[in-house]
Amino acid sequence: MFPDGRFLVLADDSEPHSSQPVPVPVTFTFADRNPITGEPYERSRFRDLPGFVAAVVTDYLDMPSAEWNLLVEYGEVAEFVDPHRVFTTTATGRRGGSA
């Protein structure tokens, strides 16, 4: 339980599971529209993130999926990462870094 009384609920959202292929752009920001949900990436649960975005969350930002989901739920992603910060993707579409 968090000091303010909130509980952490772990769900099986550890893997993105989009059923539709998403083209991997050369760069993206968390303010960009998620083609899977129509919402910005910063307002998308981890399971709804394309693989290249999920990889930045887990590999570059070093954030577990459950923590990402809490930030999304409480609208606090922008407190952790600038939504307009540009990230680059690699040829595999799995790992990204800041541009």
PDB file of N, CA and C in Angstrom:
ATOM      1  N   MET A   1       0.852  -1.172   0.000  1.00  0.00           N
ATOM      2  CA  MET A   1       0.000   0.000   0.000  1.00  0.00           C
ATOM      3  C   MET A   1       0.899   1.236   0.000  1.00  0.00           C
ATOM      4  N   PHE A   2       0.481   2.228  -0.780  1.00  0.00           N
ATOM      5  CA  PHE A   2       1.202   3.496  -0.830  1.00  0.00           C
ATOM      6  C   PHE A   2       0.844   4.329   0.404  1.00  0.00           C
ATOM      7  N   PRO A   3       1.695   5.298   0.774  1.00  0.00           N
ATOM      8  CA  PRO A   3       1.417   6.126   1.963  1.00  0.00           C
ATOM      9  C   PRO A   3       0.056   6.814   1.925  1.00  0.00           C
ATOM     10  N   ASP A   4      -0.438   7.136   0.723  1.00  0.00           N
ATOM     11  CA  ASP A   4      -1.727   7.833   0.625  1.00  0.00           C
ATOM     12  C   ASP A   4      -2.921   6.874   0.635  1.00  0.00           C
ATOM     13  N   GLY A   5      -2.654   5.566   0.854  1.00  0.00           N
ATOM     14  CA  GLY A   5      -3.740   4.612   0.957  1.00  0.00           C
ATOM     15  C   GLY A   5      -4.038   3.836  -0.313  1.00  0.00           C
ATOM     16  N   ARG A   6      -3.391   4.186  -1.438  1.00  0.00           N
ATOM     17  CA  ARG A   6      -3.629   3.450  -2.681  1.00  0.00           C
ATOM     18  C   ARG A   6      -2.943   2.095  -2.609  1.00  0.00           C
ATOM     19  N   PHE A   7      -3.532   1.091  -3.261  1.00  0.00           N
ATOM     20  CA  PHE A   7      -2.952  -0.232  -3.349  1.00  0.00           C
ATOM     21  C   PHE A   7      -2.376  -0.441  -4.737  1.00  0.00           C
ATOM     22  N   LEU A   8      -1.310  -1.204  -4.832  1.00  0.00           N
ATOM     23  CA  LEU A   8      -0.726  -1.598  -6.102  1.00  0.00           C
ATOM     24  C   LEU A   8      -1.349  -2.921  -6.501  1.00  0.00           C
ATOM     25  N   VAL A   9      -2.024  -2.939  -7.643  1.00  0.00           N
ATOM     26  CA  VAL A   9      -2.634  -4.162  -8.144  1.00  0.00           C
ATOM     27  C   VAL A   9      -1.836  -4.588  -9.362  1.00  0.00           C
ATOM     28  N   LEU A  10      -1.263  -5.776  -9.288  1.00  0.00           N
ATOM     29  CA  LEU A  10      -0.472  -6.292 -10.402  1.00  0.00           C
ATOM     30  C   LEU A  10      -1.367  -7.103 -11.318  1.00  0.00           C
ATOM     31  N   ALA A  11      -1.388  -6.728 -12.569  1.00  0.00           N
ATOM     32  CA  ALA A  11      -2.153  -7.453 -13.575  1.00  0.00           C
ATOM     33  C   ALA A  11      -1.174  -8.043 -14.566  1.00  0.00           C
ATOM     34  N   ASP A  12      -1.634  -8.943 -15.368  1.00  0.00           N
ATOM     35  CA  ASP A  12      -0.761  -9.560 -16.363  1.00  0.00           C
ATOM     36  C   ASP A  12      -0.701  -8.678 -17.603  1.00  0.00           C
ATOM     37  N   ASP A  13      -0.130  -7.492 -17.447  1.00  0.00           N
ATOM     38  CA  ASP A  13       0.031  -6.551 -18.543  1.00  0.00           C
ATOM     39  C   ASP A  13       1.495  -6.434 -18.937  1.00  0.00           C
ATOM     40  N   SER A  14       2.284  -7.438 -18.628  1.00  0.00           N
ATOM     41  CA  SER A  14       3.722  -7.337 -18.829  1.00  0.00           C
ATOM     42  C   SER A  14       4.131  -7.431 -20.284  1.00  0.00           C
ATOM     43  N   GLU A  15       3.274  -7.908 -21.147  1.00  0.00           N
ATOM     44  CA  GLU A  15       3.600  -7.999 -22.562  1.00  0.00           C
ATOM     45  C   GLU A  15       2.564  -7.251 -23.387  1.00  0.00           C
ATOM     46  N   PRO A  16       3.023  -6.428 -24.312  1.00  0.00           N
ATOM     47  CA  PRO A  16       2.069  -5.808 -25.226  1.00  0.00           C
ATOM     48  C   PRO A  16       1.376  -6.912 -26.024  1.00  0.00           C
ATOM     49  N   HIS A  17       0.110  -6.772 -26.288  1.00  0.00           N
ATOM     50  CA  HIS A  17      -0.570  -7.816 -27.041  1.00  0.00           C
ATOM     51  C   HIS A  17      -1.506  -7.253 -28.098  1.00  0.00           C
ATOM     52  N   SER A  18      -0.989  -6.360 -28.884  1.00  0.00           N
ATOM     53  CA  SER A  18      -1.771  -5.812 -29.979  1.00  0.00           C
ATOM     54  C   SER A  18      -1.973  -6.887 -31.041  1.00  0.00           C
ATOM     55  N   SER A  19      -3.174  -6.989 -31.547  1.00  0.00           N
ATOM     56  CA  SER A  19      -3.443  -7.968 -32.597  1.00  0.00           C
ATOM     57  C   SER A  19      -3.196  -7.393 -33.985  1.00  0.00           C
ATOM     58  N   GLN A  20      -2.947  -6.117 -34.059  1.00  0.00           N
ATOM     59  CA  GLN A  20      -2.703  -5.512 -35.371  1.00  0.00           C
ATOM     60  C   GLN A  20      -1.262  -5.041 -35.477  1.00  0.00           C
ATOM     61  N   PRO A  21      -0.653  -5.243 -36.662  1.00  0.00           N
ATOM     62  CA  PRO A  21       0.721  -4.769 -36.831  1.00  0.00           C
ATOM     63  C   PRO A  21       0.765  -3.243 -36.860  1.00  0.00           C
ATOM     64  N   VAL A  22       1.793  -2.695 -36.267  1.00  0.00           N
ATOM     65  CA  VAL A  22       1.965  -1.251 -36.228  1.00  0.00           C
ATOM     66  C   VAL A  22       3.311  -0.929 -36.856  1.00  0.00           C
ATOM     67  N   PRO A  23       3.330  -0.052 -37.880  1.00  0.00           N
ATOM     68  CA  PRO A  23       4.613   0.312 -38.475  1.00  0.00           C
ATOM     69  C   PRO A  23       5.507   0.995 -37.438  1.00  0.00           C
ATOM     70  N   VAL A  24       6.798   0.700 -37.493  1.00  0.00           N
ATOM     71  CA  VAL A  24       7.753   1.272 -36.546  1.00  0.00           C
ATOM     72  C   VAL A  24       8.321   2.557 -37.148  1.00  0.00           C
ATOM     73  N   PRO A  25       8.049   3.700 -36.519  1.00  0.00           N
ATOM     74  CA  PRO A  25       8.593   4.959 -37.031  1.00  0.00           C
ATOM     75  C   PRO A  25      10.065   5.097 -36.655  1.00  0.00           C
ATOM     76  N   VAL A  26      10.741   6.043 -37.269  1.00  0.00           N
ATOM     77  CA  VAL A  26      12.138   6.308 -36.940  1.00  0.00           C
ATOM     78  C   VAL A  26      12.230   6.984 -35.579  1.00  0.00           C
ATOM     79  N   THR A  27      11.295   7.876 -35.280  1.00  0.00           N
ATOM     80  CA  THR A  27      11.237   8.558 -33.994  1.00  0.00           C
ATOM     81  C   THR A  27       9.787   8.608 -33.513  1.00  0.00           C
ATOM     82  N   PHE A  28       9.624   8.814 -32.213  1.00  0.00           N
ATOM     83  CA  PHE A  28       8.285   9.013 -31.654  1.00  0.00           C
ATOM     84  C   PHE A  28       8.407   9.767 -30.342  1.00  0.00           C
ATOM     85  N   THR A  29       7.288  10.315 -29.876  1.00  0.00           N
ATOM     86  CA  THR A  29       7.193  10.913 -28.553  1.00  0.00           C
ATOM     87  C   THR A  29       6.019  10.242 -27.837  1.00  0.00           C
ATOM     88  N   PHE A  30       5.967  10.360 -26.529  1.00  0.00           N
ATOM     89  CA  PHE A  30       4.849   9.788 -25.789  1.00  0.00           C
ATOM     90  C   PHE A  30       3.573  10.604 -25.974  1.00  0.00           C
ATOM     91  N   ALA A  31       3.673  11.780 -26.593  1.00  0.00           N
ATOM     92  CA  ALA A  31       2.488  12.574 -26.921  1.00  0.00           C
ATOM     93  C   ALA A  31       1.876  12.138 -28.258  1.00  0.00           C
ATOM     94  N   ASP A  32       2.609  11.340 -29.039  1.00  0.00           N
ATOM     95  CA  ASP A  32       2.087  10.864 -30.328  1.00  0.00           C
ATOM     96  C   ASP A  32       0.880   9.964 -30.108  1.00  0.00           C
ATOM     97  N   ARG A  33       0.006   9.929 -31.102  1.00  0.00           N
ATOM     98  CA  ARG A  33      -1.201   9.106 -31.035  1.00  0.00           C
ATOM     99  C   ARG A  33      -0.855   7.628 -31.211  1.00  0.00           C
ATOM    100  N   ASN A  34      -1.373   6.816 -30.324  1.00  0.00           N
ATOM    101  CA  ASN A  34      -1.210   5.365 -30.408  1.00  0.00           C
ATOM    102  C   ASN A  34      -2.207   4.856 -31.449  1.00  0.00           C
ATOM    103  N   PRO A  35      -1.735   4.256 -32.551  1.00  0.00           N
ATOM    104  CA  PRO A  35      -2.670   3.793 -33.583  1.00  0.00           C
ATOM    105  C   PRO A  35      -3.565   2.649 -33.110  1.00  0.00           C
ATOM    106  N   ILE A  36      -3.216   2.016 -32.019  1.00  0.00           N
ATOM    107  CA  ILE A  36      -4.029   0.916 -31.493  1.00  0.00           C
ATOM    108  C   ILE A  36      -5.233   1.442 -30.726  1.00  0.00           C
ATOM    109  N   THR A  37      -5.033   2.497 -29.940  1.00  0.00           N
ATOM    110  CA  THR A  37      -6.105   3.003 -29.064  1.00  0.00           C
ATOM    111  C   THR A  37      -6.676   4.347 -29.503  1.00  0.00           C
ATOM    112  N   GLY A  38      -5.916   5.094 -30.289  1.00  0.00           N
ATOM    113  CA  GLY A  38      -6.344   6.439 -30.668  1.00  0.00           C
ATOM    114  C   GLY A  38      -5.972   7.486 -29.636  1.00  0.00           C
ATOM    115  N   GLU A  39      -5.467   7.058 -28.488  1.00  0.00           N
ATOM    116  CA  GLU A  39      -5.025   7.965 -27.418  1.00  0.00           C
ATOM    117  C   GLU A  39      -3.514   8.160 -27.538  1.00  0.00           C
ATOM    118  N   PRO A  40      -2.975   9.211 -26.933  1.00  0.00           N
ATOM    119  CA  PRO A  40      -1.512   9.340 -26.908  1.00  0.00           C
ATOM    120  C   PRO A  40      -0.890   8.154 -26.164  1.00  0.00           C
ATOM    121  N   TYR A  41       0.355   7.841 -26.505  1.00  0.00           N
ATOM    122  CA  TYR A  41       1.049   6.752 -25.810  1.00  0.00           C
ATOM    123  C   TYR A  41       1.069   6.992 -24.304  1.00  0.00           C
ATOM    124  N   GLU A  42       1.193   8.243 -23.888  1.00  0.00           N
ATOM    125  CA  GLU A  42       1.255   8.546 -22.455  1.00  0.00           C
ATOM    126  C   GLU A  42      -0.041   8.220 -21.722  1.00  0.00           C
ATOM    127  N   ARG A  43      -1.123   7.967 -22.452  1.00  0.00           N
ATOM    128  CA  ARG A  43      -2.398   7.594 -21.820  1.00  0.00           C
ATOM    129  C   ARG A  43      -2.808   6.172 -22.175  1.00  0.00           C
ATOM    130  N   SER A  44      -1.841   5.368 -22.649  1.00  0.00           N
ATOM    131  CA  SER A  44      -2.116   3.981 -23.045  1.00  0.00           C
ATOM    132  C   SER A  44      -1.515   3.008 -22.040  1.00  0.00           C
ATOM    133  N   ARG A  45      -2.344   2.058 -21.596  1.00  0.00           N
ATOM    134  CA  ARG A  45      -1.836   1.009 -20.705  1.00  0.00           C
ATOM    135  C   ARG A  45      -0.731   0.239 -21.407  1.00  0.00           C
ATOM    136  N   PHE A  46       0.134  -0.382 -20.645  1.00  0.00           N
ATOM    137  CA  PHE A  46       1.294  -1.069 -21.201  1.00  0.00           C
ATOM    138  C   PHE A  46       0.887  -2.109 -22.249  1.00  0.00           C
ATOM    139  N   ARG A  47      -0.154  -2.877 -21.972  1.00  0.00           N
ATOM    140  CA  ARG A  47      -0.573  -3.929 -22.901  1.00  0.00           C
ATOM    141  C   ARG A  47      -1.028  -3.364 -24.245  1.00  0.00           C
ATOM    142  N   ASP A  48      -1.380  -2.077 -24.293  1.00  0.00           N
ATOM    143  CA  ASP A  48      -1.845  -1.448 -25.528  1.00  0.00           C
ATOM    144  C   ASP A  48      -0.747  -0.705 -26.272  1.00  0.00           C
ATOM    145  N   LEU A  49       0.482  -0.742 -25.756  1.00  0.00           N
ATOM    146  CA  LEU A  49       1.594  -0.064 -26.422  1.00  0.00           C
ATOM    147  C   LEU A  49       2.167  -0.954 -27.514  1.00  0.00           C
ATOM    148  N   PRO A  50       2.504  -0.372 -28.677  1.00  0.00           N
ATOM    149  CA  PRO A  50       3.246  -1.150 -29.671  1.00  0.00           C
ATOM    150  C   PRO A  50       4.586  -1.574 -29.072  1.00  0.00           C
ATOM    151  N   GLY A  51       5.166  -2.632 -29.587  1.00  0.00           N
ATOM    152  CA  GLY A  51       6.402  -3.181 -29.060  1.00  0.00           C
ATOM    153  C   GLY A  51       7.537  -2.186 -28.949  1.00  0.00           C
ATOM    154  N   PHE A  52       7.677  -1.299 -29.937  1.00  0.00           N
ATOM    155  CA  PHE A  52       8.792  -0.349 -29.906  1.00  0.00           C
ATOM    156  C   PHE A  52       8.630   0.667 -28.779  1.00  0.00           C
ATOM    157  N   VAL A  53       7.397   1.023 -28.431  1.00  0.00           N
ATOM    158  CA  VAL A  53       7.155   1.945 -27.315  1.00  0.00           C
ATOM    159  C   VAL A  53       7.330   1.205 -25.991  1.00  0.00           C
ATOM    160  N   ALA A  54       6.796   0.002 -25.899  1.00  0.00           N
ATOM    161  CA  ALA A  54       6.944  -0.803 -24.691  1.00  0.00           C
ATOM    162  C   ALA A  54       8.418  -1.047 -24.377  1.00  0.00           C
ATOM    163  N   ALA A  55       9.223  -1.250 -25.418  1.00  0.00           N
ATOM    164  CA  ALA A  55      10.658  -1.476 -25.210  1.00  0.00           C
ATOM    165  C   ALA A  55      11.335  -0.250 -24.614  1.00  0.00           C
ATOM    166  N   VAL A  56      10.927   0.939 -25.026  1.00  0.00           N
ATOM    167  CA  VAL A  56      11.506   2.157 -24.444  1.00  0.00           C
ATOM    168  C   VAL A  56      11.118   2.255 -22.972  1.00  0.00           C
ATOM    169  N   VAL A  57       9.862   1.929 -22.664  1.00  0.00           N
ATOM    170  CA  VAL A  57       9.406   1.981 -21.272  1.00  0.00           C
ATOM    171  C   VAL A  57      10.237   1.035 -20.401  1.00  0.00           C
ATOM    172  N   THR A  58      10.384  -0.202 -20.830  1.00  0.00           N
ATOM    173  CA  THR A  58      11.067  -1.189 -19.992  1.00  0.00           C
ATOM    174  C   THR A  58      12.588  -1.123 -20.093  1.00  0.00           C
ATOM    175  N   ASP A  59      13.119  -0.913 -21.286  1.00  0.00           N
ATOM    176  CA  ASP A  59      14.570  -0.980 -21.484  1.00  0.00           C
ATOM    177  C   ASP A  59      15.268   0.363 -21.249  1.00  0.00           C
ATOM    178  N   TYR A  60      14.706   1.429 -21.780  1.00  0.00           N
ATOM    179  CA  TYR A  60      15.372   2.731 -21.681  1.00  0.00           C
ATOM    180  C   TYR A  60      14.980   3.478 -20.404  1.00  0.00           C
ATOM    181  N   LEU A  61      13.686   3.480 -20.088  1.00  0.00           N
ATOM    182  CA  LEU A  61      13.228   4.160 -18.869  1.00  0.00           C
ATOM    183  C   LEU A  61      13.351   3.256 -17.645  1.00  0.00           C
ATOM    184  N   ASP A  62      13.622   1.977 -17.869  1.00  0.00           N
ATOM    185  CA  ASP A  62      13.812   0.995 -16.801  1.00  0.00           C
ATOM    186  C   ASP A  62      12.608   0.960 -15.854  1.00  0.00           C
ATOM    187  N   MET A  63      11.417   0.877 -16.457  1.00  0.00           N
ATOM    188  CA  MET A  63      10.179   0.914 -15.682  1.00  0.00           C
ATOM    189  C   MET A  63       9.385  -0.371 -15.903  1.00  0.00           C
ATOM    190  N   PRO A  64       8.999  -1.052 -14.853  1.00  0.00           N
ATOM    191  CA  PRO A  64       8.149  -2.242 -15.001  1.00  0.00           C
ATOM    192  C   PRO A  64       6.766  -1.861 -15.541  1.00  0.00           C
ATOM    193  N   SER A  65       6.124  -2.799 -16.201  1.00  0.00           N
ATOM    194  CA  SER A  65       4.804  -2.534 -16.787  1.00  0.00           C
ATOM    195  C   SER A  65       3.787  -2.090 -15.742  1.00  0.00           C
ATOM    196  N   ALA A  66       3.830  -2.683 -14.558  1.00  0.00           N
ATOM    197  CA  ALA A  66       2.860  -2.312 -13.506  1.00  0.00           C
ATOM    198  C   ALA A  66       3.034  -0.860 -13.084  1.00  0.00           C
ATOM    199  N   GLU A  67       4.275  -0.390 -13.009  1.00  0.00           N
ATOM    200  CA  GLU A  67       4.521   1.012 -12.652  1.00  0.00           C
ATOM    201  C   GLU A  67       4.014   1.938 -13.754  1.00  0.00           C
ATOM    202  N   TRP A  68       4.261   1.570 -15.029  1.00  0.00           N
ATOM    203  CA  TRP A  68       3.750   2.365 -16.152  1.00  0.00           C
ATOM    204  C   TRP A  68       2.229   2.475 -16.052  1.00  0.00           C
ATOM    205  N   ASN A  69       1.561   1.350 -15.794  1.00  0.00           N
ATOM    206  CA  ASN A  69       0.096   1.359 -15.720  1.00  0.00           C
ATOM    207  C   ASN A  69      -0.414   2.264 -14.606  1.00  0.00           C
ATOM    208  N   LEU A  70       0.278   2.300 -13.478  1.00  0.00           N
ATOM    209  CA  LEU A  70      -0.119   3.205 -12.392  1.00  0.00           C
ATOM    210  C   LEU A  70       0.021   4.663 -12.819  1.00  0.00           C
ATOM    211  N   LEU A  71       1.125   4.986 -13.485  1.00  0.00           N
ATOM    212  CA  LEU A  71       1.310   6.367 -13.958  1.00  0.00           C
ATOM    213  C   LEU A  71       0.217   6.750 -14.948  1.00  0.00           C
ATOM    214  N   VAL A  72      -0.143   5.826 -15.835  1.00  0.00           N
ATOM    215  CA  VAL A  72      -1.222   6.091 -16.799  1.00  0.00           C
ATOM    216  C   VAL A  72      -2.547   6.280 -16.063  1.00  0.00           C
ATOM    217  N   GLU A  73      -2.827   5.379 -15.140  1.00  0.00           N
ATOM    218  CA  GLU A  73      -4.096   5.441 -14.399  1.00  0.00           C
ATOM    219  C   GLU A  73      -4.279   6.770 -13.682  1.00  0.00           C
ATOM    220  N   TYR A  74      -3.208   7.278 -13.094  1.00  0.00           N
ATOM    221  CA  TYR A  74      -3.288   8.535 -12.347  1.00  0.00           C
ATOM    222  C   TYR A  74      -2.900   9.758 -13.178  1.00  0.00           C
ATOM    223  N   GLY A  75      -2.684   9.567 -14.485  1.00  0.00           N
ATOM    224  CA  GLY A  75      -2.356  10.696 -15.366  1.00  0.00           C
ATOM    225  C   GLY A  75      -1.034  11.350 -15.036  1.00  0.00           C
ATOM    226  N   GLU A  76      -0.066  10.557 -14.571  1.00  0.00           N
ATOM    227  CA  GLU A  76       1.195  11.117 -14.106  1.00  0.00           C
ATOM    228  C   GLU A  76       2.411  10.742 -14.959  1.00  0.00           C
ATOM    229  N   VAL A  77       2.193  10.259 -16.175  1.00  0.00           N
ATOM    230  CA  VAL A  77       3.329   9.904 -17.034  1.00  0.00           C
ATOM    231  C   VAL A  77       4.214  11.119 -17.272  1.00  0.00           C
ATOM    232  N   ALA A  78       3.606  12.269 -17.492  1.00  0.00           N
ATOM    233  CA  ALA A  78       4.382  13.489 -17.768  1.00  0.00           C
ATOM    234  C   ALA A  78       5.249  13.909 -16.577  1.00  0.00           C
ATOM    235  N   GLU A  79       4.930  13.418 -15.379  1.00  0.00           N
ATOM    236  CA  GLU A  79       5.764  13.697 -14.213  1.00  0.00           C
ATOM    237  C   GLU A  79       7.069  12.910 -14.274  1.00  0.00           C
ATOM    238  N   PHE A  80       7.056  11.810 -15.025  1.00  0.00           N
ATOM    239  CA  PHE A  80       8.225  10.937 -15.105  1.00  0.00           C
ATOM    240  C   PHE A  80       9.045  11.175 -16.370  1.00  0.00           C
ATOM    241  N   VAL A  81       8.380  11.397 -17.495  1.00  0.00           N
ATOM    242  CA  VAL A  81       9.075  11.610 -18.769  1.00  0.00           C
ATOM    243  C   VAL A  81       8.336  12.687 -19.561  1.00  0.00           C
ATOM    244  N   ASP A  82       9.086  13.611 -20.135  1.00  0.00           N
ATOM    245  CA  ASP A  82       8.498  14.673 -20.961  1.00  0.00           C
ATOM    246  C   ASP A  82       7.783  14.031 -22.147  1.00  0.00           C
ATOM    247  N   PRO A  83       6.472  14.233 -22.304  1.00  0.00           N
ATOM    248  CA  PRO A  83       5.737  13.597 -23.396  1.00  0.00           C
ATOM    249  C   PRO A  83       6.212  14.036 -24.781  1.00  0.00           C
ATOM    250  N   HIS A  84       6.931  15.158 -24.857  1.00  0.00           N
ATOM    251  CA  HIS A  84       7.407  15.647 -26.155  1.00  0.00           C
ATOM    252  C   HIS A  84       8.870  15.304 -26.415  1.00  0.00           C
ATOM    253  N   ARG A  85       9.480  14.583 -25.499  1.00  0.00           N
ATOM    254  CA  ARG A  85      10.863  14.128 -25.695  1.00  0.00           C
ATOM    255  C   ARG A  85      10.887  13.119 -26.842  1.00  0.00           C
ATOM    256  N   VAL A  86      11.811  13.292 -27.757  1.00  0.00           N
ATOM    257  CA  VAL A  86      11.881  12.446 -28.948  1.00  0.00           C
ATOM    258  C   VAL A  86      12.745  11.217 -28.664  1.00  0.00           C
ATOM    259  N   PHE A  87      12.186  10.046 -28.977  1.00  0.00           N
ATOM    260  CA  PHE A  87      12.902   8.781 -28.859  1.00  0.00           C
ATOM    261  C   PHE A  87      13.100   8.199 -30.251  1.00  0.00           C
ATOM    262  N   THR A  88      14.227   7.567 -30.457  1.00  0.00           N
ATOM    263  CA  THR A  88      14.487   6.904 -31.731  1.00  0.00           C
ATOM    264  C   THR A  88      14.273   5.408 -31.564  1.00  0.00           C
ATOM    265  N   THR A  89      13.937   4.762 -32.666  1.00  0.00           N
ATOM    266  CA  THR A  89      13.781   3.318 -32.655  1.00  0.00           C
ATOM    267  C   THR A  89      14.915   2.707 -33.468  1.00  0.00           C
ATOM    268  N   THR A  90      15.150   1.424 -33.271  1.00  0.00           N
ATOM    269  CA  THR A  90      16.190   0.733 -34.021  1.00  0.00           C
ATOM    270  C   THR A  90      15.570  -0.075 -35.144  1.00  0.00           C
ATOM    271  N   ALA A  91      16.392  -0.711 -35.927  1.00  0.00           N
ATOM    272  CA  ALA A  91      15.899  -1.501 -37.043  1.00  0.00           C
ATOM    273  C   ALA A  91      14.982  -2.632 -36.574  1.00  0.00           C
ATOM    274  N   THR A  92      15.204  -3.137 -35.371  1.00  0.00           N
ATOM    275  CA  THR A  92      14.361  -4.217 -34.861  1.00  0.00           C
ATOM    276  C   THR A  92      13.044  -3.692 -34.320  1.00  0.00           C
ATOM    277  N   GLY A  93      12.987  -2.406 -34.047  1.00  0.00           N
ATOM    278  CA  GLY A  93      11.773  -1.840 -33.472  1.00  0.00           C
ATOM    279  C   GLY A  93      11.592  -2.184 -32.020  1.00  0.00           C
ATOM    280  N   ARG A  94      12.603  -2.716 -31.355  1.00  0.00           N
ATOM    281  CA  ARG A  94      12.460  -3.137 -29.967  1.00  0.00           C
ATOM    282  C   ARG A  94      13.078  -2.191 -28.963  1.00  0.00           C
ATOM    283  N   ARG A  95      14.199  -1.591 -29.270  1.00  0.00           N
ATOM    284  CA  ARG A  95      14.866  -0.787 -28.257  1.00  0.00           C
ATOM    285  C   ARG A  95      15.011   0.635 -28.773  1.00  0.00           C
ATOM    286  N   GLY A  96      14.777   1.601 -27.919  1.00  0.00           N
ATOM    287  CA  GLY A  96      14.882   2.985 -28.330  1.00  0.00           C
ATOM    288  C   GLY A  96      15.726   3.778 -27.379  1.00  0.00           C
ATOM    289  N   GLY A  97      16.101   4.943 -27.811  1.00  0.00           N
ATOM    290  CA  GLY A  97      16.868   5.845 -26.975  1.00  0.00           C
ATOM    291  C   GLY A  97      16.423   7.265 -27.240  1.00  0.00           C
ATOM    292  N   SER A  98      16.889   8.144 -26.453  1.00  0.00           N
ATOM    293  CA  SER A  98      16.532   9.541 -26.608  1.00  0.00           C
ATOM    294  C   SER A  98      17.293  10.127 -27.774  1.00  0.00           C
ATOM    295  N   ALA A  99      16.604  10.905 -28.580  1.00  0.00           N
ATOM    296  CA  ALA A  99      17.242  11.544 -29.742  1.00  0.00           C
ATOM    297  C   ALA A  99      17.827  12.875 -29.359  1.00  0.00           C
TER     298      ALA A  99
END
